[in-house]
Amino acid sequence: MKKTAIYFLTVVLAVMVAGCAASYIDSSQGRDGSSFEKAVIVGSVRAEYLYIDRTFHGSEILSQMIVDNNGNPYDVVTILPKEGTKKDIYFDVSRFYRKKTYADDVQ
């Protein structure tokens, strides 16, 4: 019984830690997503959508594209806020994004 409880708590903690990493959002120090220099640092695509929903509630996502800037990967998401003016939001995805290479397909 005691081993089962310990196992259960270990699994719960592992899932909680994984969930926290997936929703990591750093918009401190003036990171508002308005440029590469002010890109919001995120831990997952889910975190990008959470940021957009919280910051631009009710906006429509028009496109999403990975862009390389000085060797770093960024996800640029174009949205249409309720106000009606298209806007690009820049996300630093270097925490989780890895570019797929030809070598990945060969293995």
C-alpha atoms as a PDB file:
ATOM      1  CA  MET A   1       0.000   0.000   0.000  1.00  0.00           C
ATOM      2  CA  LYS A   2       2.785   2.406   0.935  1.00  0.00           C
ATOM      3  CA  LYS A   3       4.709   1.665  -2.296  1.00  0.00           C
ATOM      4  CA  THR A   4       1.571   2.320  -4.338  1.00  0.00           C
ATOM      5  CA  ALA A   5       1.065   5.709  -2.681  1.00  0.00           C
ATOM      6  CA  ILE A   6       4.690   6.699  -3.290  1.00  0.00           C
ATOM      7  CA  TYR A   7       4.465   5.591  -6.921  1.00  0.00           C
ATOM      8  CA  PHE A   8       1.223   7.541  -7.392  1.00  0.00           C
ATOM      9  CA  LEU A   9       2.711  10.727  -5.883  1.00  0.00           C
ATOM     10  CA  THR A  10       5.807  10.386  -8.068  1.00  0.00           C
ATOM     11  CA  VAL A  11       3.682  10.125 -11.210  1.00  0.00           C
ATOM     12  CA  VAL A  12       1.537  13.111 -10.178  1.00  0.00           C
ATOM     13  CA  LEU A  13       4.620  15.260  -9.522  1.00  0.00           C
ATOM     14  CA  ALA A  14       6.190  14.256 -12.852  1.00  0.00           C
ATOM     15  CA  VAL A  15       3.031  15.226 -14.736  1.00  0.00           C
ATOM     16  CA  MET A  16       2.837  18.551 -12.886  1.00  0.00           C
ATOM     17  CA  VAL A  17       6.469  19.407 -13.690  1.00  0.00           C
ATOM     18  CA  ALA A  18       5.983  18.505 -17.357  1.00  0.00           C
ATOM     19  CA  GLY A  19       2.859  20.651 -17.493  1.00  0.00           C
ATOM     20  CA  CYS A  20       4.645  23.642 -16.004  1.00  0.00           C
ATOM     21  CA  ALA A  21       7.451  23.439 -18.559  1.00  0.00           C
ATOM     22  CA  ALA A  22       4.962  23.229 -21.419  1.00  0.00           C
ATOM     23  CA  SER A  23       3.210  26.437 -20.391  1.00  0.00           C
ATOM     24  CA  TYR A  24       6.361  28.484 -19.619  1.00  0.00           C
ATOM     25  CA  ILE A  25       5.926  32.130 -20.638  1.00  0.00           C
ATOM     26  CA  ASP A  26       8.485  34.875 -19.970  1.00  0.00           C
ATOM     27  CA  SER A  27       7.202  38.308 -20.906  1.00  0.00           C
ATOM     28  CA  SER A  28       9.317  40.197 -18.360  1.00  0.00           C
ATOM     29  CA  GLN A  29      11.837  42.947 -19.114  1.00  0.00           C
ATOM     30  CA  GLY A  30       9.726  44.550 -21.836  1.00  0.00           C
ATOM     31  CA  ARG A  31       9.171  41.344 -23.806  1.00  0.00           C
ATOM     32  CA  ASP A  32       5.893  42.203 -25.514  1.00  0.00           C
ATOM     33  CA  GLY A  33       6.415  40.183 -28.717  1.00  0.00           C
ATOM     34  CA  SER A  34       6.578  43.251 -30.958  1.00  0.00           C
ATOM     35  CA  SER A  35       9.984  42.371 -32.493  1.00  0.00           C
ATOM     36  CA  PHE A  36      12.777  39.780 -32.449  1.00  0.00           C
ATOM     37  CA  GLU A  37      14.514  41.789 -29.728  1.00  0.00           C
ATOM     38  CA  LYS A  38      11.350  41.867 -27.591  1.00  0.00           C
ATOM     39  CA  ALA A  39      10.210  38.311 -28.344  1.00  0.00           C
ATOM     40  CA  VAL A  40       8.234  36.510 -25.644  1.00  0.00           C
ATOM     41  CA  ILE A  41      10.145  33.420 -24.468  1.00  0.00           C
ATOM     42  CA  VAL A  42       7.914  30.332 -24.400  1.00  0.00           C
ATOM     43  CA  GLY A  43       8.242  26.647 -23.572  1.00  0.00           C
ATOM     44  CA  SER A  44       5.721  25.300 -26.097  1.00  0.00           C
ATOM     45  CA  VAL A  45       3.329  26.211 -28.862  1.00  0.00           C
ATOM     46  CA  ARG A  46       0.556  25.843 -26.278  1.00  0.00           C
ATOM     47  CA  ALA A  47       2.219  28.630 -24.276  1.00  0.00           C
ATOM     48  CA  GLU A  48       2.154  30.856 -27.371  1.00  0.00           C
ATOM     49  CA  TYR A  49      -1.595  30.366 -27.714  1.00  0.00           C
ATOM     50  CA  LEU A  50      -2.089  31.036 -23.990  1.00  0.00           C
ATOM     51  CA  TYR A  51      -0.140  34.291 -24.286  1.00  0.00           C
ATOM     52  CA  ILE A  52      -2.131  35.385 -27.333  1.00  0.00           C
ATOM     53  CA  ASP A  53      -5.436  34.507 -25.678  1.00  0.00           C
ATOM     54  CA  ARG A  54      -4.543  36.372 -22.481  1.00  0.00           C
ATOM     55  CA  THR A  55      -3.003  39.419 -24.168  1.00  0.00           C
ATOM     56  CA  PHE A  56      -5.179  39.727 -27.294  1.00  0.00           C
ATOM     57  CA  HIS A  57      -8.393  38.044 -26.146  1.00  0.00           C
ATOM     58  CA  GLY A  58     -10.770  37.281 -28.986  1.00  0.00           C
ATOM     59  CA  SER A  59      -8.180  37.707 -31.729  1.00  0.00           C
ATOM     60  CA  GLU A  60      -8.000  35.423 -34.754  1.00  0.00           C
ATOM     61  CA  ILE A  61      -4.768  33.625 -35.672  1.00  0.00           C
ATOM     62  CA  LEU A  62      -4.080  34.156 -39.384  1.00  0.00           C
ATOM     63  CA  SER A  63      -0.697  32.442 -39.813  1.00  0.00           C
ATOM     64  CA  GLN A  64       2.236  30.966 -37.947  1.00  0.00           C
ATOM     65  CA  MET A  65       5.784  30.529 -39.248  1.00  0.00           C
ATOM     66  CA  ILE A  66       9.195  29.534 -37.856  1.00  0.00           C
ATOM     67  CA  VAL A  67      11.840  32.136 -38.742  1.00  0.00           C
ATOM     68  CA  ASP A  68      15.598  32.053 -38.172  1.00  0.00           C
ATOM     69  CA  ASN A  69      17.071  35.291 -36.838  1.00  0.00           C
ATOM     70  CA  ASN A  70      20.850  35.308 -36.204  1.00  0.00           C
ATOM     71  CA  GLY A  71      20.840  31.539 -35.724  1.00  0.00           C
ATOM     72  CA  ASN A  72      17.959  31.512 -33.231  1.00  0.00           C
ATOM     73  CA  PRO A  73      14.487  30.100 -33.979  1.00  0.00           C
ATOM     74  CA  TYR A  74      11.463  32.347 -33.584  1.00  0.00           C
ATOM     75  CA  ASP A  75       7.809  31.623 -34.163  1.00  0.00           C
ATOM     76  CA  VAL A  76       6.085  34.582 -35.781  1.00  0.00           C
ATOM     77  CA  VAL A  77       2.317  34.452 -35.336  1.00  0.00           C
ATOM     78  CA  THR A  78       0.159  36.874 -37.310  1.00  0.00           C
ATOM     79  CA  ILE A  79      -3.106  37.707 -35.566  1.00  0.00           C
ATOM     80  CA  LEU A  80      -6.129  39.827 -36.286  1.00  0.00           C
ATOM     81  CA  PRO A  81      -7.221  41.482 -33.024  1.00  0.00           C
ATOM     82  CA  LYS A  82     -10.807  42.584 -32.476  1.00  0.00           C
ATOM     83  CA  GLU A  83      -9.705  46.115 -33.439  1.00  0.00           C
ATOM     84  CA  GLY A  84      -9.056  44.819 -36.966  1.00  0.00           C
ATOM     85  CA  THR A  85      -5.381  45.677 -37.606  1.00  0.00           C
ATOM     86  CA  LYS A  86      -3.106  42.706 -38.393  1.00  0.00           C
ATOM     87  CA  LYS A  87      -0.244  42.267 -35.957  1.00  0.00           C
ATOM     88  CA  ASP A  88       2.828  40.009 -35.821  1.00  0.00           C
ATOM     89  CA  ILE A  89       3.728  38.500 -32.442  1.00  0.00           C
ATOM     90  CA  TYR A  90       7.298  37.188 -32.039  1.00  0.00           C
ATOM     91  CA  PHE A  91       8.058  34.190 -29.802  1.00  0.00           C
ATOM     92  CA  ASP A  92      11.518  32.896 -28.881  1.00  0.00           C
ATOM     93  CA  VAL A  93      11.103  29.105 -29.209  1.00  0.00           C
ATOM     94  CA  SER A  94      14.755  28.125 -28.648  1.00  0.00           C
ATOM     95  CA  ARG A  95      13.824  26.357 -25.378  1.00  0.00           C
ATOM     96  CA  PHE A  96      11.987  23.587 -27.212  1.00  0.00           C
ATOM     97  CA  TYR A  97      12.331  23.918 -30.999  1.00  0.00           C
ATOM     98  CA  ARG A  98      14.854  21.786 -32.875  1.00  0.00           C
ATOM     99  CA  LYS A  99      15.102  22.069 -36.624  1.00  0.00           C
ATOM    100  CA  LYS A 100      14.537  18.747 -38.359  1.00  0.00           C
ATOM    101  CA  THR A 101      17.432  17.708 -40.563  1.00  0.00           C
ATOM    102  CA  TYR A 102      17.929  15.201 -43.330  1.00  0.00           C
ATOM    103  CA  ALA A 103      19.878  13.013 -40.878  1.00  0.00           C
ATOM    104  CA  ASP A 104      16.693  12.657 -38.793  1.00  0.00           C
ATOM    105  CA  ASP A 105      14.934  11.005 -41.743  1.00  0.00           C
ATOM    106  CA  VAL A 106      17.813   8.650 -42.550  1.00  0.00           C
ATOM    107  CA  GLN A 107      17.936   6.944 -39.152  1.00  0.00           C
END
